[in-house]
Amino acid sequence: MTKKVIQINKNPMYDFGMITTVFGSDTEFAGDLTFKKSLQINGSFEGEISSGGYLVVGEGAVVRANIKAKNVVLMGTVYGNIEAVGGIEIHPNGRLFGNIRTSKLKIADGVVFEGKCEMIKSEEKKIKKDQPQKAAAPEGGA
């Protein structure tokens, strides 16, 4: 008789889906970090972060980095600038000491934010704007 092993994924789940990678609260990491899907940092990180996906800075996490990602969810502390073309959510325990560039911003009550915010156009609007418009047909024919 074989044992059936059931593995339950304990990665956090958000509105956008399940986090694919989690740096635990006892993790300390320094350097340049690039990822494609989603990452949650619960420990400490120092360096640069670049992603086309979701970054979650978990409660209790401390990140000292400039961040470029599609979307950022902030529940911990970030020292650095954040650029997120999709959007940024800062939850009640979130602390940000840096500037923001984003197309959508949600800030909860109780947040600490020391910096400037620049609202940018989302990627979809930018793509539509950059596409050439069809020329109108001349009236009256030639």
C-alpha atoms as a PDB file:
ATOM      1  CA  MET A   1       0.000   0.000   0.000  1.00  0.00           C
ATOM      2  CA  THR A   2       1.434   3.372  -1.022  1.00  0.00           C
ATOM      3  CA  LYS A   3       1.022   6.524   0.990  1.00  0.00           C
ATOM      4  CA  LYS A   4      -0.628   9.405  -0.762  1.00  0.00           C
ATOM      5  CA  VAL A   5       1.171  12.683  -0.015  1.00  0.00           C
ATOM      6  CA  ILE A   6      -0.880  15.832  -0.277  1.00  0.00           C
ATOM      7  CA  GLN A   7       1.117  19.012  -0.438  1.00  0.00           C
ATOM      8  CA  ILE A   8      -0.695  22.203   0.415  1.00  0.00           C
ATOM      9  CA  ASN A   9       0.813  25.375  -0.985  1.00  0.00           C
ATOM     10  CA  LYS A  10       1.066  27.848   1.888  1.00  0.00           C
ATOM     11  CA  ASN A  11       2.079  30.821  -0.244  1.00  0.00           C
ATOM     12  CA  PRO A  12      -0.115  33.891   0.296  1.00  0.00           C
ATOM     13  CA  MET A  13      -3.136  34.463  -1.934  1.00  0.00           C
ATOM     14  CA  TYR A  14      -4.222  37.927  -3.100  1.00  0.00           C
ATOM     15  CA  ASP A  15      -6.829  39.327  -5.495  1.00  0.00           C
ATOM     16  CA  PHE A  16      -4.373  38.890  -8.374  1.00  0.00           C
ATOM     17  CA  GLY A  17      -3.600  35.253  -7.467  1.00  0.00           C
ATOM     18  CA  MET A  18      -1.144  33.205  -5.480  1.00  0.00           C
ATOM     19  CA  ILE A  19       2.387  34.427  -4.811  1.00  0.00           C
ATOM     20  CA  THR A  20       4.858  32.139  -6.594  1.00  0.00           C
ATOM     21  CA  THR A  21       7.921  32.908  -4.417  1.00  0.00           C
ATOM     22  CA  VAL A  22       8.237  34.001  -0.782  1.00  0.00           C
ATOM     23  CA  PHE A  23      11.363  35.222   1.006  1.00  0.00           C
ATOM     24  CA  GLY A  24      10.677  34.261   4.646  1.00  0.00           C
ATOM     25  CA  SER A  25      10.944  36.618   7.617  1.00  0.00           C
ATOM     26  CA  ASP A  26      14.403  35.255   8.503  1.00  0.00           C
ATOM     27  CA  THR A  27      15.748  35.920   4.983  1.00  0.00           C
ATOM     28  CA  GLU A  28      18.332  38.644   4.382  1.00  0.00           C
ATOM     29  CA  PHE A  29      19.183  39.314   0.760  1.00  0.00           C
ATOM     30  CA  ALA A  30      21.346  41.944  -0.980  1.00  0.00           C
ATOM     31  CA  GLY A  31      21.964  42.569  -4.675  1.00  0.00           C
ATOM     32  CA  ASP A  32      20.021  43.039  -7.891  1.00  0.00           C
ATOM     33  CA  LEU A  33      16.758  41.120  -7.939  1.00  0.00           C
ATOM     34  CA  THR A  34      14.794  40.368 -11.109  1.00  0.00           C
ATOM     35  CA  PHE A  35      11.726  38.140 -11.368  1.00  0.00           C
ATOM     36  CA  LYS A  36       8.850  37.609 -13.803  1.00  0.00           C
ATOM     37  CA  LYS A  37       5.736  36.530 -11.893  1.00  0.00           C
ATOM     38  CA  SER A  38       5.247  37.396  -8.224  1.00  0.00           C
ATOM     39  CA  LEU A  39       7.367  37.666  -5.107  1.00  0.00           C
ATOM     40  CA  GLN A  40       6.649  38.426  -1.478  1.00  0.00           C
ATOM     41  CA  ILE A  41       9.472  39.670   0.735  1.00  0.00           C
ATOM     42  CA  ASN A  42       8.894  39.105   4.448  1.00  0.00           C
ATOM     43  CA  GLY A  43      12.536  39.570   5.544  1.00  0.00           C
ATOM     44  CA  SER A  44      15.041  42.237   4.577  1.00  0.00           C
ATOM     45  CA  PHE A  45      16.401  43.179   1.177  1.00  0.00           C
ATOM     46  CA  GLU A  46      18.931  45.773   0.015  1.00  0.00           C
ATOM     47  CA  GLY A  47      19.751  46.564  -3.621  1.00  0.00           C
ATOM     48  CA  GLU A  48      17.655  47.032  -6.767  1.00  0.00           C
ATOM     49  CA  ILE A  49      14.391  45.291  -7.727  1.00  0.00           C
ATOM     50  CA  SER A  50      13.065  44.981 -11.283  1.00  0.00           C
ATOM     51  CA  SER A  51      10.052  42.946 -12.368  1.00  0.00           C
ATOM     52  CA  GLY A  52       7.231  42.729 -14.858  1.00  0.00           C
ATOM     53  CA  GLY A  53       5.073  41.131 -12.155  1.00  0.00           C
ATOM     54  CA  TYR A  54       3.803  41.688  -8.629  1.00  0.00           C
ATOM     55  CA  LEU A  55       5.950  42.568  -5.634  1.00  0.00           C
ATOM     56  CA  VAL A  56       4.511  42.283  -2.135  1.00  0.00           C
ATOM     57  CA  VAL A  57       6.502  43.762   0.736  1.00  0.00           C
ATOM     58  CA  GLY A  58       5.064  41.828   3.665  1.00  0.00           C
ATOM     59  CA  GLU A  59       4.271  43.086   7.126  1.00  0.00           C
ATOM     60  CA  GLY A  60       7.505  43.458   9.099  1.00  0.00           C
ATOM     61  CA  ALA A  61       9.698  43.416   5.967  1.00  0.00           C
ATOM     62  CA  VAL A  62      12.344  46.105   5.426  1.00  0.00           C
ATOM     63  CA  VAL A  63      13.399  46.853   1.851  1.00  0.00           C
ATOM     64  CA  ARG A  64      16.139  49.348   1.007  1.00  0.00           C
ATOM     65  CA  ALA A  65      15.880  49.495  -2.768  1.00  0.00           C
ATOM     66  CA  ASN A  66      14.623  51.343  -5.782  1.00  0.00           C
ATOM     67  CA  ILE A  67      11.777  49.254  -7.157  1.00  0.00           C
ATOM     68  CA  LYS A  68      10.411  48.931 -10.704  1.00  0.00           C
ATOM     69  CA  ALA A  69       7.537  46.453 -10.991  1.00  0.00           C
ATOM     70  CA  LYS A  70       4.186  46.176 -12.667  1.00  0.00           C
ATOM     71  CA  ASN A  71       2.337  46.233  -9.322  1.00  0.00           C
ATOM     72  CA  VAL A  72       3.497  46.741  -5.736  1.00  0.00           C
ATOM     73  CA  VAL A  73       1.629  45.918  -2.528  1.00  0.00           C
ATOM     74  CA  LEU A  74       3.278  47.492   0.507  1.00  0.00           C
ATOM     75  CA  MET A  75       2.574  46.230   4.026  1.00  0.00           C
ATOM     76  CA  GLY A  76       6.100  46.659   5.415  1.00  0.00           C
ATOM     77  CA  THR A  77       8.753  49.375   5.087  1.00  0.00           C
ATOM     78  CA  VAL A  78      10.495  50.593   1.936  1.00  0.00           C
ATOM     79  CA  TYR A  79      13.384  53.058   1.790  1.00  0.00           C
ATOM     80  CA  GLY A  80      13.642  53.936  -1.899  1.00  0.00           C
ATOM     81  CA  ASN A  81      11.669  55.002  -4.929  1.00  0.00           C
ATOM     82  CA  ILE A  82       8.882  52.884  -6.416  1.00  0.00           C
ATOM     83  CA  GLU A  83       7.779  52.870 -10.041  1.00  0.00           C
ATOM     84  CA  ALA A  84       4.779  50.655 -10.767  1.00  0.00           C
ATOM     85  CA  VAL A  85       2.998  51.075 -14.110  1.00  0.00           C
ATOM     86  CA  GLY A  86       0.081  48.903 -12.972  1.00  0.00           C
ATOM     87  CA  GLY A  87      -0.453  50.335  -9.502  1.00  0.00           C
ATOM     88  CA  ILE A  88       0.623  50.604  -5.892  1.00  0.00           C
ATOM     89  CA  GLU A  89      -1.348  49.657  -2.773  1.00  0.00           C
ATOM     90  CA  ILE A  90      -0.077  50.793   0.612  1.00  0.00           C
ATOM     91  CA  HIS A  91      -1.776  48.991   3.499  1.00  0.00           C
ATOM     92  CA  PRO A  92      -2.271  50.397   7.044  1.00  0.00           C
ATOM     93  CA  ASN A  93       1.115  49.219   8.401  1.00  0.00           C
ATOM     94  CA  GLY A  94       2.959  50.321   5.253  1.00  0.00           C
ATOM     95  CA  ARG A  95       5.790  52.828   5.477  1.00  0.00           C
ATOM     96  CA  LEU A  96       7.386  54.411   2.422  1.00  0.00           C
ATOM     97  CA  PHE A  97      10.341  56.789   2.495  1.00  0.00           C
ATOM     98  CA  GLY A  98      10.774  57.610  -1.183  1.00  0.00           C
ATOM     99  CA  ASN A  99       9.007  58.817  -4.300  1.00  0.00           C
ATOM    100  CA  ILE A 100       6.251  57.085  -6.270  1.00  0.00           C
ATOM    101  CA  ARG A 101       5.565  56.918 -10.022  1.00  0.00           C
ATOM    102  CA  THR A 102       2.392  54.976 -10.828  1.00  0.00           C
ATOM    103  CA  SER A 103      -0.856  54.938 -12.775  1.00  0.00           C
ATOM    104  CA  LYS A 104      -3.040  53.833  -9.815  1.00  0.00           C
ATOM    105  CA  LEU A 105      -2.526  54.477  -6.114  1.00  0.00           C
ATOM    106  CA  LYS A 106      -4.390  53.211  -3.034  1.00  0.00           C
ATOM    107  CA  ILE A 107      -3.269  54.465   0.376  1.00  0.00           C
ATOM    108  CA  ALA A 108      -4.969  53.204   3.545  1.00  0.00           C
ATOM    109  CA  ASP A 109      -5.419  55.148   6.788  1.00  0.00           C
ATOM    110  CA  GLY A 110      -2.401  54.970   9.091  1.00  0.00           C
ATOM    111  CA  VAL A 111       0.226  54.810   6.327  1.00  0.00           C
ATOM    112  CA  VAL A 112       3.524  56.685   6.663  1.00  0.00           C
ATOM    113  CA  PHE A 113       4.552  58.196   3.307  1.00  0.00           C
ATOM    114  CA  GLU A 114       7.396  60.684   3.012  1.00  0.00           C
ATOM    115  CA  GLY A 115       8.025  61.531  -0.620  1.00  0.00           C
ATOM    116  CA  LYS A 116       6.484  62.801  -3.819  1.00  0.00           C
ATOM    117  CA  CYS A 117       3.936  61.122  -6.052  1.00  0.00           C
ATOM    118  CA  GLU A 118       3.775  61.354  -9.837  1.00  0.00           C
ATOM    119  CA  MET A 119       0.744  59.894 -11.554  1.00  0.00           C
ATOM    120  CA  ILE A 120       1.543  58.410 -14.968  1.00  0.00           C
ATOM    121  CA  LYS A 121      -0.598  56.957 -17.721  1.00  0.00           C
ATOM    122  CA  SER A 122      -1.097  53.213 -17.594  1.00  0.00           C
ATOM    123  CA  GLU A 123       0.562  51.001 -20.225  1.00  0.00           C
ATOM    124  CA  GLU A 124      -2.717  50.297 -22.021  1.00  0.00           C
ATOM    125  CA  LYS A 125      -3.504  53.999 -22.427  1.00  0.00           C
ATOM    126  CA  LYS A 126       0.079  54.701 -23.513  1.00  0.00           C
ATOM    127  CA  ILE A 127      -0.056  51.939 -26.148  1.00  0.00           C
ATOM    128  CA  LYS A 128      -3.356  53.219 -27.574  1.00  0.00           C
ATOM    129  CA  LYS A 129      -2.044  56.784 -27.651  1.00  0.00           C
ATOM    130  CA  ASP A 130       1.184  55.765 -29.422  1.00  0.00           C
ATOM    131  CA  GLN A 131      -0.632  53.852 -32.175  1.00  0.00           C
ATOM    132  CA  PRO A 132      -1.138  55.857 -35.379  1.00  0.00           C
ATOM    133  CA  GLN A 133      -4.685  56.995 -35.965  1.00  0.00           C
ATOM    134  CA  LYS A 134      -6.415  56.107 -39.238  1.00  0.00           C
ATOM    135  CA  ALA A 135      -6.644  59.066 -41.552  1.00  0.00           C
ATOM    136  CA  ALA A 136     -10.193  60.165 -42.330  1.00  0.00           C
ATOM    137  CA  ALA A 137     -11.280  59.610 -45.915  1.00  0.00           C
ATOM    138  CA  PRO A 138     -11.434  62.845 -47.901  1.00  0.00           C
ATOM    139  CA  GLU A 139     -14.916  64.188 -48.504  1.00  0.00           C
ATOM    140  CA  GLY A 140     -16.380  64.402 -51.995  1.00  0.00           C
ATOM    141  CA  GLY A 141     -14.080  61.822 -53.595  1.00  0.00           C
ATOM    142  CA  ALA A 142     -11.265  62.549 -56.034  1.00  0.00           C
END
